[in-house]
Amino acid sequence: MQKLATLCLAVAVISGCQTIDPYTREQKTGNAASGAGIGAVAGAVLGAAVSSKKDRKRGILTGALVGGAVGGGIGYYMDQQEALLRQELEGTGVGVQREGDAIRLIMPGNITFAVNSDQVSTSFYPVLDSVGKVLAKFDKTLINVDGFTDSSGSFEHNQNLSEYRAARVADYLGQVGVNSNRINARGYGERYPVADNATAAGRSQNRRVEINIRGQQQS
């Protein structure tokens, strides 16, 4: 019973961390906390198994702490980056999505580019400046800048436009301090729509640039 209580305490301390979503103001458990919790349980079990009966309590606690730190790893790094991006981009119209150890920034075409243009709107420069500042700070990530269009116009035109727009955003990020070796720009044209191209609202959602930030395991 005492061993179980010690294990539960260790796991609770490590995995109980929560953050506040700056949009909803609701508490949420970070990905790092989830990973830390899993690592803590595994570490505690291992610590109990390899420790003598006399030192088992200490082994459980030590294993839980070490396992929690390893489990948190990249998740913690991405949690911190996500929190800063949400803070910098609040109210800008840019969507922030978290998927495991990856972050996706969704930039609607109507605020990023003029119609049928591959020139970044000057009004969007401050937003990209904010994104660049965060990406430069969290430099242990890889970045894909992906361009998409709606289905209006020819397939070839849409493909070229999406490639040019992705390249413009990637180039701008490089100019504001993000290492260009981390950035890969791609265009997908009218492929991978997120809404119905038969409606004006749907086409507006499909015209977008996404910045996908992928974490790497830290050494």
N, C-alpha and C. Protein backbone atom coordinates (compact mmCIF):
# COMPACT_ATOMS: atom_id res chain seq x y z
N MET A 1 0.84 -1.21 0.00
CA MET A 1 0.00 0.00 0.00
C MET A 1 0.87 1.26 0.00
N GLN A 2 1.94 1.21 0.82
CA GLN A 2 2.83 2.36 0.89
C GLN A 2 3.52 2.61 -0.45
N LYS A 3 3.93 1.49 -1.11
CA LYS A 3 4.58 1.62 -2.42
C LYS A 3 3.62 2.24 -3.43
N LEU A 4 2.37 1.80 -3.39
CA LEU A 4 1.38 2.32 -4.32
C LEU A 4 1.15 3.80 -4.09
N ALA A 5 1.10 4.20 -2.83
CA ALA A 5 0.89 5.61 -2.51
C ALA A 5 2.05 6.45 -3.00
N THR A 6 3.27 5.94 -2.83
CA THR A 6 4.45 6.67 -3.30
C THR A 6 4.44 6.83 -4.81
N LEU A 7 4.08 5.75 -5.52
CA LEU A 7 4.00 5.80 -6.98
C LEU A 7 2.97 6.81 -7.44
N CYS A 8 1.79 6.79 -6.84
CA CYS A 8 0.73 7.72 -7.23
C CYS A 8 1.14 9.16 -6.99
N LEU A 9 1.84 9.41 -5.87
CA LEU A 9 2.29 10.76 -5.57
C LEU A 9 3.28 11.25 -6.61
N ALA A 10 4.23 10.39 -6.97
CA ALA A 10 5.23 10.78 -7.96
C ALA A 10 4.60 11.10 -9.30
N VAL A 11 3.69 10.22 -9.73
CA VAL A 11 3.02 10.44 -11.01
C VAL A 11 2.18 11.69 -10.99
N ALA A 12 1.49 11.93 -9.89
CA ALA A 12 0.63 13.11 -9.79
C ALA A 12 1.44 14.39 -9.88
N VAL A 13 2.61 14.40 -9.22
CA VAL A 13 3.46 15.59 -9.25
C VAL A 13 3.94 15.89 -10.66
N ILE A 14 4.33 14.82 -11.37
CA ILE A 14 4.91 15.01 -12.70
C ILE A 14 3.87 15.27 -13.76
N SER A 15 2.78 14.53 -13.76
CA SER A 15 1.83 14.59 -14.87
C SER A 15 0.65 15.51 -14.61
N GLY A 16 0.57 16.10 -13.44
CA GLY A 16 -0.59 16.92 -13.13
C GLY A 16 -0.49 18.33 -13.63
N CYS A 17 0.60 18.68 -14.31
CA CYS A 17 0.79 20.05 -14.78
C CYS A 17 -0.23 20.40 -15.86
N GLN A 18 -0.83 21.57 -15.73
CA GLN A 18 -1.79 22.02 -16.72
C GLN A 18 -1.46 23.43 -17.16
N THR A 19 -1.90 23.77 -18.36
CA THR A 19 -1.71 25.11 -18.89
C THR A 19 -3.06 25.71 -19.20
N ILE A 20 -3.09 27.02 -19.45
CA ILE A 20 -4.31 27.72 -19.80
C ILE A 20 -4.31 28.01 -21.29
N ASP A 21 -5.34 27.57 -22.00
CA ASP A 21 -5.48 27.87 -23.41
C ASP A 21 -5.80 29.36 -23.54
N PRO A 22 -4.96 30.15 -24.24
CA PRO A 22 -5.17 31.60 -24.31
C PRO A 22 -6.42 32.00 -25.07
N TYR A 23 -7.00 31.08 -25.86
CA TYR A 23 -8.22 31.40 -26.60
C TYR A 23 -9.46 31.10 -25.77
N THR A 24 -9.52 29.89 -25.18
CA THR A 24 -10.72 29.47 -24.45
C THR A 24 -10.64 29.78 -22.98
N ARG A 25 -9.43 30.07 -22.46
CA ARG A 25 -9.17 30.30 -21.05
C ARG A 25 -9.47 29.07 -20.21
N GLU A 26 -9.49 27.91 -20.84
CA GLU A 26 -9.74 26.67 -20.13
C GLU A 26 -8.42 25.97 -19.82
N GLN A 27 -8.42 25.21 -18.71
CA GLN A 27 -7.23 24.45 -18.38
C GLN A 27 -7.12 23.25 -19.30
N LYS A 28 -5.90 22.91 -19.67
CA LYS A 28 -5.69 21.71 -20.47
C LYS A 28 -4.37 21.09 -20.07
N THR A 29 -4.29 19.78 -20.17
CA THR A 29 -3.06 19.08 -19.87
C THR A 29 -2.17 19.10 -21.09
N GLY A 30 -0.94 19.58 -20.95
CA GLY A 30 -0.03 19.69 -22.08
C GLY A 30 0.44 18.33 -22.56
N ASN A 31 0.91 18.29 -23.80
CA ASN A 31 1.46 17.06 -24.35
C ASN A 31 2.66 16.60 -23.54
N ALA A 32 3.44 17.55 -23.04
CA ALA A 32 4.59 17.19 -22.24
C ALA A 32 4.15 16.50 -20.96
N ALA A 33 3.08 17.02 -20.33
CA ALA A 33 2.60 16.43 -19.10
C ALA A 33 2.10 15.01 -19.34
N SER A 34 1.42 14.80 -20.46
CA SER A 34 0.94 13.46 -20.79
C SER A 34 2.11 12.50 -20.98
N GLY A 35 3.11 12.96 -21.74
CA GLY A 35 4.29 12.12 -21.95
C GLY A 35 5.05 11.87 -20.67
N ALA A 36 5.12 12.91 -19.83
CA ALA A 36 5.81 12.76 -18.56
C ALA A 36 5.10 11.76 -17.68
N GLY A 37 3.77 11.79 -17.69
CA GLY A 37 3.00 10.86 -16.87
C GLY A 37 3.26 9.42 -17.27
N ILE A 38 3.25 9.16 -18.58
CA ILE A 38 3.52 7.81 -19.07
C ILE A 38 4.93 7.39 -18.71
N GLY A 39 5.87 8.30 -18.89
CA GLY A 39 7.25 7.98 -18.54
C GLY A 39 7.42 7.74 -17.06
N ALA A 40 6.68 8.51 -16.26
CA ALA A 40 6.79 8.35 -14.82
C ALA A 40 6.32 6.98 -14.37
N VAL A 41 5.19 6.54 -14.92
CA VAL A 41 4.68 5.22 -14.57
C VAL A 41 5.69 4.13 -14.94
N ALA A 42 6.20 4.21 -16.18
CA ALA A 42 7.17 3.21 -16.63
C ALA A 42 8.43 3.24 -15.78
N GLY A 43 8.89 4.44 -15.46
CA GLY A 43 10.10 4.57 -14.65
C GLY A 43 9.90 4.06 -13.24
N ALA A 44 8.73 4.31 -12.67
CA ALA A 44 8.44 3.86 -11.32
C ALA A 44 8.40 2.35 -11.25
N VAL A 45 7.75 1.73 -12.23
CA VAL A 45 7.68 0.27 -12.27
C VAL A 45 9.07 -0.33 -12.38
N LEU A 46 9.89 0.26 -13.27
CA LEU A 46 11.25 -0.24 -13.44
C LEU A 46 12.06 -0.04 -12.17
N GLY A 47 11.88 1.14 -11.54
CA GLY A 47 12.60 1.42 -10.31
C GLY A 47 12.27 0.44 -9.22
N ALA A 48 11.00 0.06 -9.13
CA ALA A 48 10.58 -0.91 -8.12
C ALA A 48 11.17 -2.28 -8.41
N ALA A 49 11.25 -2.62 -9.69
CA ALA A 49 11.70 -3.95 -10.06
C ALA A 49 13.18 -4.16 -9.80
N VAL A 50 13.97 -3.12 -10.01
CA VAL A 50 15.42 -3.28 -9.90
C VAL A 50 15.95 -2.94 -8.51
N SER A 51 15.11 -2.43 -7.63
CA SER A 51 15.55 -2.03 -6.30
C SER A 51 15.38 -3.17 -5.32
N SER A 52 16.22 -3.16 -4.30
CA SER A 52 16.06 -4.14 -3.23
C SER A 52 14.84 -3.77 -2.40
N LYS A 53 14.39 -4.69 -1.60
CA LYS A 53 13.20 -4.44 -0.77
C LYS A 53 13.41 -3.24 0.13
N LYS A 54 14.62 -3.10 0.64
CA LYS A 54 14.93 -2.00 1.55
C LYS A 54 14.85 -0.65 0.85
N ASP A 55 15.33 -0.60 -0.39
CA ASP A 55 15.40 0.68 -1.12
C ASP A 55 14.29 0.83 -2.15
N ARG A 56 13.27 0.01 -2.07
CA ARG A 56 12.26 0.02 -3.13
C ARG A 56 11.51 1.36 -3.20
N LYS A 57 11.22 1.94 -2.05
CA LYS A 57 10.49 3.22 -2.04
C LYS A 57 11.28 4.28 -2.78
N ARG A 58 12.60 4.34 -2.49
CA ARG A 58 13.45 5.31 -3.16
C ARG A 58 13.55 4.99 -4.65
N GLY A 59 13.63 3.70 -4.99
CA GLY A 59 13.72 3.31 -6.39
C GLY A 59 12.50 3.70 -7.19
N ILE A 60 11.31 3.57 -6.58
CA ILE A 60 10.07 3.95 -7.27
C ILE A 60 10.07 5.44 -7.56
N LEU A 61 10.42 6.24 -6.55
CA LEU A 61 10.38 7.69 -6.72
C LEU A 61 11.42 8.16 -7.74
N THR A 62 12.64 7.61 -7.63
CA THR A 62 13.69 8.00 -8.58
C THR A 62 13.33 7.60 -10.01
N GLY A 63 12.81 6.38 -10.17
CA GLY A 63 12.41 5.93 -11.49
C GLY A 63 11.32 6.78 -12.09
N ALA A 64 10.37 7.20 -11.25
CA ALA A 64 9.27 8.03 -11.72
C ALA A 64 9.78 9.39 -12.17
N LEU A 65 10.69 9.98 -11.43
CA LEU A 65 11.22 11.30 -11.79
C LEU A 65 12.03 11.25 -13.08
N VAL A 66 12.90 10.24 -13.18
CA VAL A 66 13.71 10.11 -14.40
C VAL A 66 12.83 9.79 -15.61
N GLY A 67 11.90 8.86 -15.44
CA GLY A 67 11.00 8.50 -16.54
C GLY A 67 10.14 9.66 -16.97
N GLY A 68 9.72 10.47 -16.01
CA GLY A 68 8.89 11.63 -16.34
C GLY A 68 9.66 12.65 -17.13
N ALA A 69 10.92 12.86 -16.77
CA ALA A 69 11.74 13.83 -17.50
C ALA A 69 11.95 13.39 -18.93
N VAL A 70 12.24 12.09 -19.14
CA VAL A 70 12.43 11.58 -20.49
C VAL A 70 11.14 11.65 -21.29
N GLY A 71 10.03 11.27 -20.64
CA GLY A 71 8.75 11.28 -21.33
C GLY A 71 8.32 12.67 -21.74
N GLY A 72 8.68 13.69 -20.94
CA GLY A 72 8.30 15.06 -21.26
C GLY A 72 9.04 15.58 -22.47
N GLY A 73 10.36 15.36 -22.51
CA GLY A 73 11.26 15.69 -23.61
C GLY A 73 10.78 16.68 -24.64
N ILE A 74 10.60 16.19 -25.87
CA ILE A 74 10.21 17.04 -27.00
C ILE A 74 8.83 17.64 -26.78
N GLY A 75 7.97 16.90 -26.04
CA GLY A 75 6.64 17.44 -25.78
C GLY A 75 6.69 18.75 -25.03
N TYR A 76 7.57 18.85 -24.06
CA TYR A 76 7.71 20.08 -23.29
C TYR A 76 8.20 21.21 -24.19
N TYR A 77 9.17 20.90 -25.03
CA TYR A 77 9.73 21.89 -25.96
C TYR A 77 8.63 22.44 -26.87
N MET A 78 7.80 21.53 -27.40
CA MET A 78 6.73 21.96 -28.30
C MET A 78 5.61 22.66 -27.54
N ASP A 79 5.37 22.26 -26.30
CA ASP A 79 4.38 22.96 -25.48
C ASP A 79 4.75 24.43 -25.32
N GLN A 80 6.02 24.68 -25.03
CA GLN A 80 6.48 26.05 -24.83
C GLN A 80 6.36 26.85 -26.12
N GLN A 81 6.72 26.24 -27.23
CA GLN A 81 6.63 26.92 -28.52
C GLN A 81 5.17 27.21 -28.88
N GLU A 82 4.29 26.24 -28.65
CA GLU A 82 2.88 26.43 -28.93
C GLU A 82 2.30 27.58 -28.12
N ALA A 83 2.64 27.62 -26.83
CA ALA A 83 2.11 28.67 -25.96
C ALA A 83 2.54 30.06 -26.45
N LEU A 84 3.80 30.19 -26.86
CA LEU A 84 4.29 31.49 -27.33
C LEU A 84 3.66 31.86 -28.67
N LEU A 85 3.48 30.89 -29.55
CA LEU A 85 2.84 31.17 -30.83
C LEU A 85 1.39 31.62 -30.63
N ARG A 86 0.68 30.96 -29.74
CA ARG A 86 -0.71 31.36 -29.47
C ARG A 86 -0.77 32.77 -28.91
N GLN A 87 0.18 33.08 -28.06
CA GLN A 87 0.23 34.42 -27.48
C GLN A 87 0.50 35.48 -28.56
N GLU A 88 1.47 35.20 -29.43
CA GLU A 88 1.85 36.16 -30.47
C GLU A 88 0.78 36.31 -31.54
N LEU A 89 0.03 35.24 -31.81
CA LEU A 89 -0.91 35.25 -32.94
C LEU A 89 -2.36 35.46 -32.54
N GLU A 90 -2.62 35.64 -31.27
CA GLU A 90 -3.99 35.85 -30.82
C GLU A 90 -4.60 37.08 -31.50
N GLY A 91 -5.75 36.89 -32.12
CA GLY A 91 -6.45 37.99 -32.75
C GLY A 91 -5.97 38.33 -34.16
N THR A 92 -5.04 37.56 -34.71
CA THR A 92 -4.51 37.87 -36.04
C THR A 92 -5.27 37.17 -37.16
N GLY A 93 -6.10 36.19 -36.83
CA GLY A 93 -6.79 35.41 -37.84
C GLY A 93 -6.05 34.15 -38.24
N VAL A 94 -4.84 33.96 -37.71
CA VAL A 94 -4.05 32.76 -37.99
C VAL A 94 -4.45 31.67 -37.00
N GLY A 95 -4.79 30.48 -37.52
CA GLY A 95 -5.16 29.37 -36.66
C GLY A 95 -3.94 28.61 -36.18
N VAL A 96 -3.98 28.15 -34.94
CA VAL A 96 -2.90 27.35 -34.36
C VAL A 96 -3.47 26.00 -33.95
N GLN A 97 -2.94 24.94 -34.55
CA GLN A 97 -3.39 23.58 -34.23
C GLN A 97 -2.21 22.76 -33.73
N ARG A 98 -2.46 21.94 -32.73
CA ARG A 98 -1.43 21.06 -32.20
C ARG A 98 -1.79 19.61 -32.50
N GLU A 99 -0.86 18.88 -33.08
CA GLU A 99 -1.06 17.48 -33.40
C GLU A 99 0.16 16.69 -32.93
N GLY A 100 0.09 16.13 -31.72
CA GLY A 100 1.22 15.40 -31.16
C GLY A 100 2.41 16.32 -30.99
N ASP A 101 3.54 15.95 -31.56
CA ASP A 101 4.74 16.77 -31.48
C ASP A 101 4.90 17.67 -32.70
N ALA A 102 3.79 18.11 -33.25
CA ALA A 102 3.80 19.02 -34.40
C ALA A 102 2.80 20.16 -34.16
N ILE A 103 3.11 21.31 -34.73
CA ILE A 103 2.25 22.49 -34.64
C ILE A 103 1.95 22.95 -36.05
N ARG A 104 0.69 23.27 -36.32
CA ARG A 104 0.29 23.76 -37.64
C ARG A 104 -0.27 25.17 -37.51
N LEU A 105 0.27 26.08 -38.29
CA LEU A 105 -0.25 27.44 -38.38
C LEU A 105 -1.01 27.57 -39.69
N ILE A 106 -2.27 27.95 -39.62
CA ILE A 106 -3.10 28.06 -40.82
C ILE A 106 -3.35 29.54 -41.11
N MET A 107 -2.84 29.99 -42.25
CA MET A 107 -2.92 31.39 -42.63
C MET A 107 -3.88 31.55 -43.80
N PRO A 108 -5.07 32.09 -43.54
CA PRO A 108 -6.05 32.25 -44.62
C PRO A 108 -5.52 33.15 -45.73
N GLY A 109 -5.82 32.78 -46.97
CA GLY A 109 -5.32 33.53 -48.12
C GLY A 109 -5.78 34.97 -48.14
N ASN A 110 -6.98 35.25 -47.61
CA ASN A 110 -7.51 36.61 -47.70
C ASN A 110 -6.75 37.60 -46.83
N ILE A 111 -6.00 37.13 -45.83
CA ILE A 111 -5.22 38.05 -45.01
C ILE A 111 -3.73 37.97 -45.34
N THR A 112 -3.35 36.99 -46.15
CA THR A 112 -1.93 36.79 -46.45
C THR A 112 -1.54 37.37 -47.80
N PHE A 113 -2.41 37.21 -48.81
CA PHE A 113 -2.12 37.65 -50.17
C PHE A 113 -3.32 38.37 -50.78
N ALA A 114 -3.03 39.25 -51.72
CA ALA A 114 -4.10 39.83 -52.52
C ALA A 114 -4.61 38.76 -53.49
N VAL A 115 -5.79 38.98 -54.04
CA VAL A 115 -6.38 38.00 -54.95
C VAL A 115 -5.45 37.74 -56.13
N ASN A 116 -5.20 36.45 -56.38
CA ASN A 116 -4.41 36.00 -57.52
C ASN A 116 -2.98 36.55 -57.52
N SER A 117 -2.46 36.87 -56.34
CA SER A 117 -1.11 37.43 -56.24
C SER A 117 -0.23 36.53 -55.37
N ASP A 118 1.07 36.53 -55.66
CA ASP A 118 1.98 35.78 -54.82
C ASP A 118 2.84 36.71 -53.96
N GLN A 119 2.47 37.98 -53.89
CA GLN A 119 3.17 38.95 -53.05
C GLN A 119 2.50 39.02 -51.67
N VAL A 120 3.27 38.78 -50.62
CA VAL A 120 2.71 38.84 -49.27
C VAL A 120 2.19 40.25 -49.01
N SER A 121 0.98 40.36 -48.52
CA SER A 121 0.39 41.66 -48.20
C SER A 121 1.22 42.35 -47.12
N THR A 122 1.50 43.63 -47.33
CA THR A 122 2.32 44.35 -46.36
C THR A 122 1.67 44.38 -44.98
N SER A 123 0.35 44.32 -44.93
CA SER A 123 -0.34 44.32 -43.64
C SER A 123 -0.09 43.03 -42.86
N PHE A 124 0.41 42.00 -43.56
CA PHE A 124 0.66 40.72 -42.91
C PHE A 124 2.11 40.59 -42.43
N TYR A 125 2.95 41.54 -42.78
CA TYR A 125 4.35 41.48 -42.35
C TYR A 125 4.50 41.34 -40.84
N PRO A 126 3.78 42.15 -40.04
CA PRO A 126 3.95 42.04 -38.58
C PRO A 126 3.61 40.64 -38.05
N VAL A 127 2.63 39.98 -38.68
CA VAL A 127 2.27 38.63 -38.25
C VAL A 127 3.42 37.66 -38.54
N LEU A 128 3.97 37.75 -39.74
CA LEU A 128 5.10 36.88 -40.08
C LEU A 128 6.33 37.22 -39.25
N ASP A 129 6.48 38.49 -38.88
CA ASP A 129 7.57 38.87 -37.99
C ASP A 129 7.44 38.14 -36.66
N SER A 130 6.21 38.08 -36.14
CA SER A 130 5.97 37.40 -34.86
C SER A 130 6.25 35.91 -34.97
N VAL A 131 5.79 35.31 -36.08
CA VAL A 131 6.04 33.88 -36.30
C VAL A 131 7.54 33.63 -36.39
N GLY A 132 8.23 34.47 -37.16
CA GLY A 132 9.67 34.31 -37.34
C GLY A 132 10.43 34.42 -36.02
N LYS A 133 10.00 35.32 -35.17
CA LYS A 133 10.66 35.50 -33.87
C LYS A 133 10.58 34.23 -33.04
N VAL A 134 9.42 33.59 -33.04
CA VAL A 134 9.24 32.36 -32.25
C VAL A 134 10.03 31.21 -32.88
N LEU A 135 9.95 31.08 -34.21
CA LEU A 135 10.65 29.98 -34.88
C LEU A 135 12.17 30.11 -34.73
N ALA A 136 12.67 31.33 -34.72
CA ALA A 136 14.10 31.54 -34.55
C ALA A 136 14.54 31.16 -33.13
N LYS A 137 13.67 31.42 -32.17
CA LYS A 137 13.98 31.09 -30.78
C LYS A 137 13.98 29.58 -30.56
N PHE A 138 12.97 28.91 -31.10
CA PHE A 138 12.86 27.46 -30.96
C PHE A 138 13.46 26.83 -32.22
N ASP A 139 14.77 26.75 -32.25
CA ASP A 139 15.46 26.41 -33.49
C ASP A 139 15.70 24.91 -33.68
N LYS A 140 15.17 24.08 -32.79
CA LYS A 140 15.36 22.64 -32.94
C LYS A 140 14.11 22.00 -33.57
N THR A 141 13.59 22.64 -34.58
CA THR A 141 12.42 22.12 -35.29
C THR A 141 12.65 22.25 -36.79
N LEU A 142 11.90 21.45 -37.54
CA LEU A 142 11.90 21.55 -39.00
C LEU A 142 10.58 22.17 -39.44
N ILE A 143 10.62 22.94 -40.53
CA ILE A 143 9.47 23.74 -40.92
C ILE A 143 9.10 23.46 -42.36
N ASN A 144 7.83 23.10 -42.59
CA ASN A 144 7.29 22.98 -43.95
C ASN A 144 6.31 24.12 -44.17
N VAL A 145 6.53 24.89 -45.23
CA VAL A 145 5.58 25.93 -45.61
C VAL A 145 4.82 25.41 -46.83
N ASP A 146 3.52 25.19 -46.67
CA ASP A 146 2.70 24.56 -47.70
C ASP A 146 1.65 25.52 -48.23
N GLY A 147 1.58 25.66 -49.56
CA GLY A 147 0.60 26.53 -50.19
C GLY A 147 -0.54 25.73 -50.80
N PHE A 148 -1.77 26.28 -50.71
CA PHE A 148 -2.97 25.64 -51.25
C PHE A 148 -3.86 26.70 -51.91
N THR A 149 -4.61 26.29 -52.92
CA THR A 149 -5.56 27.18 -53.58
C THR A 149 -6.94 26.53 -53.61
N ASP A 150 -7.92 27.28 -54.11
CA ASP A 150 -9.21 26.66 -54.38
C ASP A 150 -9.15 26.06 -55.79
N SER A 151 -10.28 25.61 -56.31
CA SER A 151 -10.29 24.93 -57.61
C SER A 151 -10.62 25.86 -58.77
N SER A 152 -10.74 27.16 -58.50
CA SER A 152 -11.01 28.10 -59.59
C SER A 152 -9.76 28.22 -60.46
N GLY A 153 -9.96 28.32 -61.78
CA GLY A 153 -8.83 28.42 -62.68
C GLY A 153 -8.28 27.06 -63.04
N SER A 154 -7.22 27.07 -63.84
CA SER A 154 -6.65 25.81 -64.32
C SER A 154 -5.81 25.15 -63.23
N PHE A 155 -5.66 23.85 -63.37
CA PHE A 155 -4.87 23.10 -62.40
C PHE A 155 -3.43 23.61 -62.39
N GLU A 156 -2.88 23.86 -63.58
CA GLU A 156 -1.49 24.33 -63.68
C GLU A 156 -1.31 25.69 -63.01
N HIS A 157 -2.26 26.60 -63.27
CA HIS A 157 -2.17 27.93 -62.66
C HIS A 157 -2.23 27.83 -61.14
N ASN A 158 -3.13 27.03 -60.62
CA ASN A 158 -3.28 26.88 -59.18
C ASN A 158 -2.03 26.26 -58.56
N GLN A 159 -1.46 25.29 -59.25
CA GLN A 159 -0.24 24.65 -58.73
C GLN A 159 0.90 25.66 -58.64
N ASN A 160 1.09 26.43 -59.71
CA ASN A 160 2.16 27.42 -59.71
C ASN A 160 1.94 28.49 -58.64
N LEU A 161 0.69 28.96 -58.52
CA LEU A 161 0.39 30.00 -57.54
C LEU A 161 0.67 29.50 -56.12
N SER A 162 0.30 28.26 -55.85
CA SER A 162 0.53 27.72 -54.51
C SER A 162 2.02 27.60 -54.21
N GLU A 163 2.80 27.22 -55.21
CA GLU A 163 4.24 27.10 -55.02
C GLU A 163 4.87 28.46 -54.77
N TYR A 164 4.46 29.47 -55.55
CA TYR A 164 5.02 30.80 -55.40
C TYR A 164 4.68 31.38 -54.03
N ARG A 165 3.45 31.18 -53.59
CA ARG A 165 3.04 31.73 -52.30
C ARG A 165 3.80 31.07 -51.14
N ALA A 166 3.96 29.76 -51.20
CA ALA A 166 4.72 29.06 -50.17
C ALA A 166 6.16 29.56 -50.14
N ALA A 167 6.73 29.76 -51.32
CA ALA A 167 8.11 30.22 -51.41
C ALA A 167 8.26 31.64 -50.85
N ARG A 168 7.27 32.49 -51.12
CA ARG A 168 7.32 33.87 -50.60
C ARG A 168 7.32 33.88 -49.08
N VAL A 169 6.47 33.08 -48.47
CA VAL A 169 6.41 33.02 -47.01
C VAL A 169 7.71 32.45 -46.45
N ALA A 170 8.21 31.40 -47.09
CA ALA A 170 9.47 30.79 -46.63
C ALA A 170 10.62 31.79 -46.73
N ASP A 171 10.68 32.52 -47.83
CA ASP A 171 11.73 33.52 -48.02
C ASP A 171 11.64 34.60 -46.95
N TYR A 172 10.43 35.03 -46.65
CA TYR A 172 10.26 36.09 -45.65
C TYR A 172 10.75 35.61 -44.28
N LEU A 173 10.41 34.39 -43.92
CA LEU A 173 10.86 33.85 -42.64
C LEU A 173 12.39 33.80 -42.58
N GLY A 174 13.00 33.46 -43.70
CA GLY A 174 14.46 33.46 -43.75
C GLY A 174 15.04 34.85 -43.55
N GLN A 175 14.34 35.86 -44.07
CA GLN A 175 14.82 37.24 -43.96
C GLN A 175 14.70 37.79 -42.54
N VAL A 176 13.80 37.20 -41.73
CA VAL A 176 13.62 37.71 -40.37
C VAL A 176 14.32 36.83 -39.33
N GLY A 177 15.25 36.00 -39.78
CA GLY A 177 16.11 35.32 -38.82
C GLY A 177 15.95 33.83 -38.67
N VAL A 178 15.04 33.20 -39.42
CA VAL A 178 14.89 31.76 -39.34
C VAL A 178 15.88 31.10 -40.31
N ASN A 179 16.65 30.15 -39.82
CA ASN A 179 17.64 29.47 -40.66
C ASN A 179 16.93 28.81 -41.84
N SER A 180 17.30 29.20 -43.04
CA SER A 180 16.64 28.68 -44.24
C SER A 180 16.84 27.19 -44.43
N ASN A 181 17.88 26.63 -43.81
CA ASN A 181 18.13 25.19 -43.92
C ASN A 181 17.05 24.37 -43.21
N ARG A 182 16.30 25.02 -42.33
CA ARG A 182 15.23 24.33 -41.60
C ARG A 182 13.92 24.35 -42.38
N ILE A 183 13.84 25.16 -43.44
CA ILE A 183 12.57 25.43 -44.10
C ILE A 183 12.47 24.72 -45.44
N ASN A 184 11.33 24.10 -45.69
CA ASN A 184 11.03 23.49 -46.98
C ASN A 184 9.70 24.03 -47.47
N ALA A 185 9.68 24.63 -48.66
CA ALA A 185 8.46 25.21 -49.23
C ALA A 185 7.88 24.30 -50.28
N ARG A 186 6.56 24.06 -50.23
CA ARG A 186 5.90 23.17 -51.17
C ARG A 186 4.55 23.76 -51.56
N GLY A 187 4.14 23.48 -52.78
CA GLY A 187 2.82 23.91 -53.24
C GLY A 187 1.98 22.70 -53.62
N TYR A 188 0.71 22.73 -53.23
CA TYR A 188 -0.19 21.61 -53.53
C TYR A 188 -1.36 22.00 -54.42
N GLY A 189 -1.36 23.26 -54.87
CA GLY A 189 -2.44 23.69 -55.76
C GLY A 189 -3.81 23.50 -55.13
N GLU A 190 -4.73 22.94 -55.91
CA GLU A 190 -6.09 22.75 -55.44
C GLU A 190 -6.30 21.42 -54.73
N ARG A 191 -5.23 20.65 -54.57
CA ARG A 191 -5.33 19.37 -53.86
C ARG A 191 -5.50 19.61 -52.36
N TYR A 192 -6.04 18.61 -51.68
CA TYR A 192 -6.24 18.62 -50.23
C TYR A 192 -7.12 19.78 -49.75
N PRO A 193 -8.30 19.96 -50.34
CA PRO A 193 -9.20 21.01 -49.84
C PRO A 193 -9.69 20.66 -48.44
N VAL A 194 -9.96 21.70 -47.65
CA VAL A 194 -10.50 21.50 -46.31
C VAL A 194 -11.97 21.87 -46.24
N ALA A 195 -12.51 22.35 -47.36
CA ALA A 195 -13.92 22.74 -47.43
C ALA A 195 -14.42 22.54 -48.85
N ASP A 196 -15.71 22.76 -49.06
CA ASP A 196 -16.36 22.53 -50.35
C ASP A 196 -16.06 23.67 -51.32
N ASN A 197 -15.40 23.35 -52.43
CA ASN A 197 -15.09 24.37 -53.44
C ASN A 197 -16.31 24.87 -54.19
N ALA A 198 -17.48 24.25 -53.96
CA ALA A 198 -18.70 24.68 -54.65
C ALA A 198 -19.28 25.95 -54.04
N THR A 199 -18.80 26.35 -52.87
CA THR A 199 -19.32 27.56 -52.22
C THR A 199 -18.20 28.59 -52.06
N ALA A 200 -18.59 29.86 -51.99
CA ALA A 200 -17.61 30.93 -51.82
C ALA A 200 -16.89 30.79 -50.48
N ALA A 201 -17.65 30.42 -49.44
CA ALA A 201 -17.05 30.25 -48.12
C ALA A 201 -16.05 29.11 -48.12
N GLY A 202 -16.38 28.03 -48.82
CA GLY A 202 -15.48 26.89 -48.89
C GLY A 202 -14.20 27.22 -49.64
N ARG A 203 -14.35 27.92 -50.76
CA ARG A 203 -13.17 28.30 -51.54
C ARG A 203 -12.25 29.21 -50.73
N SER A 204 -12.85 30.08 -49.93
CA SER A 204 -12.06 30.98 -49.10
C SER A 204 -11.21 30.20 -48.09
N GLN A 205 -11.77 29.13 -47.53
CA GLN A 205 -11.02 28.31 -46.58
C GLN A 205 -9.90 27.53 -47.26
N ASN A 206 -10.14 27.13 -48.50
CA ASN A 206 -9.14 26.34 -49.22
C ASN A 206 -7.94 27.17 -49.66
N ARG A 207 -8.14 28.48 -49.84
CA ARG A 207 -7.03 29.36 -50.20
C ARG A 207 -6.25 29.68 -48.91
N ARG A 208 -5.11 29.03 -48.74
CA ARG A 208 -4.41 29.18 -47.47
C ARG A 208 -2.93 28.81 -47.62
N VAL A 209 -2.16 29.24 -46.65
CA VAL A 209 -0.79 28.78 -46.48
C VAL A 209 -0.68 28.19 -45.09
N GLU A 210 -0.07 27.02 -45.00
CA GLU A 210 0.12 26.38 -43.71
C GLU A 210 1.61 26.29 -43.40
N ILE A 211 1.95 26.59 -42.15
CA ILE A 211 3.31 26.38 -41.68
C ILE A 211 3.26 25.22 -40.70
N ASN A 212 3.89 24.13 -41.07
CA ASN A 212 3.90 22.94 -40.23
C ASN A 212 5.26 22.80 -39.56
N ILE A 213 5.23 22.81 -38.24
CA ILE A 213 6.44 22.80 -37.42
C ILE A 213 6.56 21.44 -36.76
N ARG A 214 7.61 20.74 -37.08
CA ARG A 214 7.78 19.37 -36.58
C ARG A 214 8.94 19.31 -35.61
N GLY A 215 8.67 18.74 -34.44
CA GLY A 215 9.71 18.63 -33.42
C GLY A 215 10.63 17.46 -33.68
N GLN A 216 11.86 17.60 -33.21
CA GLN A 216 12.83 16.52 -33.27
C GLN A 216 13.21 16.13 -31.86
N GLN A 217 13.50 14.86 -31.65
CA GLN A 217 13.91 14.43 -30.32
C GLN A 217 15.20 15.13 -29.93
N GLN A 218 15.19 15.63 -28.71
CA GLN A 218 16.37 16.36 -28.23
C GLN A 218 17.43 15.38 -27.74
N SER A 219 18.68 15.69 -28.03
CA SER A 219 19.78 14.84 -27.57
C SER A 219 20.22 15.25 -26.17
